[in-house]
Amino acid sequence: MALERRLSRTMFLETEIVALRQVCMTPSRLFEPGKYIAGELPDVAFEMGLVEKLLPVRGKSEELAD
């Protein structure tokens, strides 16, 4: 039996940019995979383990983000 990965919204800052790995459907909206601010995503996305932290950016590419 596979292990299920569950995360909590409390593991992320509300303003942190996270990656949504799979489509997440709610009654009011469809969230496509991609980058989102953690506060924009529904709780169910975190509970189902669809959200991952992004790796920190290092080097010259960090300067380009601004």
N, C-alpha and C. Protein backbone atom coordinates (compact mmCIF):
# COMPACT_ATOMS: atom_id res chain seq x y z
N MET A 1 0.84 -1.17 0.00
CA MET A 1 0.00 0.00 0.00
C MET A 1 0.89 1.24 0.00
N ALA A 2 0.59 2.19 -0.83
CA ALA A 2 1.38 3.41 -0.95
C ALA A 2 1.12 4.34 0.23
N LEU A 3 2.14 5.09 0.58
CA LEU A 3 1.98 6.09 1.62
C LEU A 3 1.35 7.34 1.03
N GLU A 4 0.42 7.91 1.75
CA GLU A 4 -0.24 9.12 1.28
C GLU A 4 0.45 10.32 1.91
N ARG A 5 0.75 11.31 1.10
CA ARG A 5 1.44 12.49 1.58
C ARG A 5 0.43 13.58 1.89
N ARG A 6 0.31 13.95 3.15
CA ARG A 6 -0.62 15.01 3.54
C ARG A 6 0.17 16.18 4.11
N LEU A 7 -0.20 17.36 3.69
CA LEU A 7 0.42 18.57 4.18
C LEU A 7 -0.64 19.47 4.78
N SER A 8 -0.21 20.43 5.51
CA SER A 8 -1.12 21.39 6.10
C SER A 8 -0.80 22.77 5.56
N ARG A 9 -1.82 23.58 5.47
CA ARG A 9 -1.63 24.96 5.03
C ARG A 9 -0.69 25.70 5.97
N THR A 10 -0.64 25.29 7.23
CA THR A 10 0.20 25.98 8.22
C THR A 10 1.69 25.80 7.96
N MET A 11 2.06 24.88 7.08
CA MET A 11 3.47 24.68 6.73
C MET A 11 3.99 25.76 5.78
N PHE A 12 3.09 26.56 5.24
CA PHE A 12 3.44 27.57 4.24
C PHE A 12 3.03 28.95 4.72
N LEU A 13 3.80 29.96 4.34
CA LEU A 13 3.40 31.34 4.60
C LEU A 13 2.29 31.71 3.62
N GLU A 14 1.40 32.61 4.02
CA GLU A 14 0.30 33.02 3.14
C GLU A 14 0.81 33.67 1.85
N THR A 15 1.98 34.30 1.93
CA THR A 15 2.53 35.01 0.77
C THR A 15 3.58 34.20 0.02
N GLU A 16 3.83 32.98 0.46
CA GLU A 16 4.84 32.13 -0.17
C GLU A 16 4.36 31.60 -1.52
N ILE A 17 5.26 31.57 -2.49
CA ILE A 17 4.92 31.01 -3.80
C ILE A 17 5.18 29.51 -3.75
N VAL A 18 4.16 28.74 -4.12
CA VAL A 18 4.23 27.29 -4.08
C VAL A 18 3.87 26.72 -5.44
N ALA A 19 4.14 25.43 -5.62
CA ALA A 19 3.82 24.76 -6.88
C ALA A 19 2.65 23.81 -6.67
N LEU A 20 1.63 23.94 -7.49
CA LEU A 20 0.51 23.01 -7.51
C LEU A 20 0.85 21.96 -8.56
N ARG A 21 0.95 20.68 -8.15
CA ARG A 21 1.43 19.63 -9.03
C ARG A 21 0.36 19.03 -9.93
N GLN A 22 -0.90 19.06 -9.49
CA GLN A 22 -1.98 18.46 -10.27
C GLN A 22 -3.17 19.41 -10.30
N VAL A 23 -4.10 19.14 -11.17
CA VAL A 23 -5.33 19.92 -11.25
C VAL A 23 -6.09 19.77 -9.93
N CYS A 24 -6.62 20.88 -9.43
CA CYS A 24 -7.42 20.86 -8.21
C CYS A 24 -8.77 21.51 -8.54
N MET A 25 -9.84 20.75 -8.37
CA MET A 25 -11.18 21.26 -8.68
C MET A 25 -11.95 21.53 -7.40
N THR A 26 -12.56 22.70 -7.34
CA THR A 26 -13.46 23.05 -6.25
C THR A 26 -14.80 23.41 -6.89
N PRO A 27 -15.85 23.51 -6.11
CA PRO A 27 -17.14 23.87 -6.71
C PRO A 27 -17.14 25.22 -7.42
N SER A 28 -16.24 26.12 -7.00
CA SER A 28 -16.25 27.45 -7.59
C SER A 28 -15.13 27.72 -8.60
N ARG A 29 -14.10 26.86 -8.63
CA ARG A 29 -12.96 27.16 -9.50
C ARG A 29 -12.16 25.91 -9.83
N LEU A 30 -11.48 25.97 -10.96
CA LEU A 30 -10.54 24.93 -11.38
C LEU A 30 -9.14 25.52 -11.33
N PHE A 31 -8.25 24.89 -10.58
CA PHE A 31 -6.87 25.35 -10.45
C PHE A 31 -5.99 24.45 -11.30
N GLU A 32 -5.32 25.03 -12.28
CA GLU A 32 -4.41 24.30 -13.16
C GLU A 32 -3.05 24.16 -12.46
N PRO A 33 -2.27 23.14 -12.81
CA PRO A 33 -0.92 23.02 -12.24
C PRO A 33 -0.08 24.25 -12.57
N GLY A 34 0.74 24.66 -11.62
CA GLY A 34 1.59 25.83 -11.83
C GLY A 34 1.98 26.45 -10.51
N LYS A 35 2.45 27.69 -10.58
CA LYS A 35 2.88 28.42 -9.39
C LYS A 35 1.75 29.32 -8.90
N TYR A 36 1.54 29.32 -7.58
CA TYR A 36 0.50 30.12 -6.95
C TYR A 36 1.02 30.69 -5.64
N ILE A 37 0.39 31.74 -5.17
CA ILE A 37 0.63 32.21 -3.81
C ILE A 37 -0.18 31.29 -2.91
N ALA A 38 0.42 30.82 -1.83
CA ALA A 38 -0.21 29.82 -0.97
C ALA A 38 -1.60 30.26 -0.49
N GLY A 39 -1.79 31.54 -0.24
CA GLY A 39 -3.08 32.04 0.23
C GLY A 39 -4.19 31.94 -0.80
N GLU A 40 -3.86 31.78 -2.09
CA GLU A 40 -4.86 31.69 -3.15
C GLU A 40 -5.45 30.29 -3.30
N LEU A 41 -4.74 29.28 -2.83
CA LEU A 41 -5.17 27.90 -3.03
C LEU A 41 -6.13 27.45 -1.93
N PRO A 42 -7.06 26.56 -2.27
CA PRO A 42 -7.99 26.05 -1.25
C PRO A 42 -7.31 25.05 -0.31
N ASP A 43 -7.88 24.89 0.87
CA ASP A 43 -7.34 23.96 1.87
C ASP A 43 -7.23 22.54 1.33
N VAL A 44 -8.17 22.14 0.50
CA VAL A 44 -8.18 20.77 -0.01
C VAL A 44 -6.93 20.45 -0.82
N ALA A 45 -6.36 21.43 -1.50
CA ALA A 45 -5.13 21.21 -2.27
C ALA A 45 -3.98 20.83 -1.35
N PHE A 46 -3.92 21.44 -0.18
CA PHE A 46 -2.87 21.12 0.79
C PHE A 46 -3.13 19.77 1.43
N GLU A 47 -4.39 19.50 1.79
CA GLU A 47 -4.75 18.25 2.45
C GLU A 47 -4.52 17.04 1.54
N MET A 48 -4.71 17.22 0.24
CA MET A 48 -4.52 16.12 -0.70
C MET A 48 -3.06 15.94 -1.11
N GLY A 49 -2.18 16.83 -0.64
CA GLY A 49 -0.76 16.72 -0.96
C GLY A 49 -0.42 17.17 -2.37
N LEU A 50 -1.20 18.07 -2.93
CA LEU A 50 -0.96 18.55 -4.29
C LEU A 50 -0.01 19.73 -4.35
N VAL A 51 0.36 20.27 -3.19
CA VAL A 51 1.17 21.48 -3.13
C VAL A 51 2.58 21.14 -2.65
N GLU A 52 3.57 21.75 -3.30
CA GLU A 52 4.97 21.56 -2.90
C GLU A 52 5.64 22.90 -2.73
N LYS A 53 6.62 22.94 -1.82
CA LYS A 53 7.45 24.13 -1.69
C LYS A 53 8.36 24.22 -2.90
N LEU A 54 8.64 25.43 -3.34
CA LEU A 54 9.58 25.62 -4.43
C LEU A 54 10.98 25.72 -3.85
N LEU A 55 11.96 25.22 -4.59
CA LEU A 55 13.34 25.31 -4.15
C LEU A 55 13.78 26.76 -4.19
N PRO A 56 14.63 27.17 -3.25
CA PRO A 56 15.10 28.55 -3.28
C PRO A 56 15.94 28.82 -4.52
N VAL A 57 15.82 30.03 -5.04
CA VAL A 57 16.57 30.44 -6.22
C VAL A 57 17.92 30.96 -5.77
N ARG A 58 18.96 30.56 -6.46
CA ARG A 58 20.31 31.00 -6.10
C ARG A 58 21.03 31.59 -7.30
N GLY A 59 22.00 32.40 -7.02
CA GLY A 59 22.85 32.93 -8.07
C GLY A 59 22.23 34.08 -8.82
N LYS A 60 22.62 34.23 -10.08
CA LYS A 60 22.20 35.36 -10.90
C LYS A 60 20.70 35.35 -11.18
N SER A 61 20.09 34.19 -11.27
CA SER A 61 18.66 34.12 -11.56
C SER A 61 17.84 34.72 -10.43
N GLU A 62 18.39 34.75 -9.20
CA GLU A 62 17.69 35.36 -8.08
C GLU A 62 17.53 36.86 -8.31
N GLU A 63 18.53 37.49 -8.91
CA GLU A 63 18.47 38.92 -9.18
C GLU A 63 17.44 39.24 -10.25
N LEU A 64 17.20 38.35 -11.18
CA LEU A 64 16.23 38.58 -12.25
C LEU A 64 14.80 38.54 -11.76
N ALA A 65 14.52 37.85 -10.66
CA ALA A 65 13.16 37.73 -10.15
C ALA A 65 12.57 39.07 -9.76
N ASP A 66 13.41 40.03 -9.34
CA ASP A 66 12.91 41.34 -8.95
C ASP A 66 12.56 42.12 -10.18
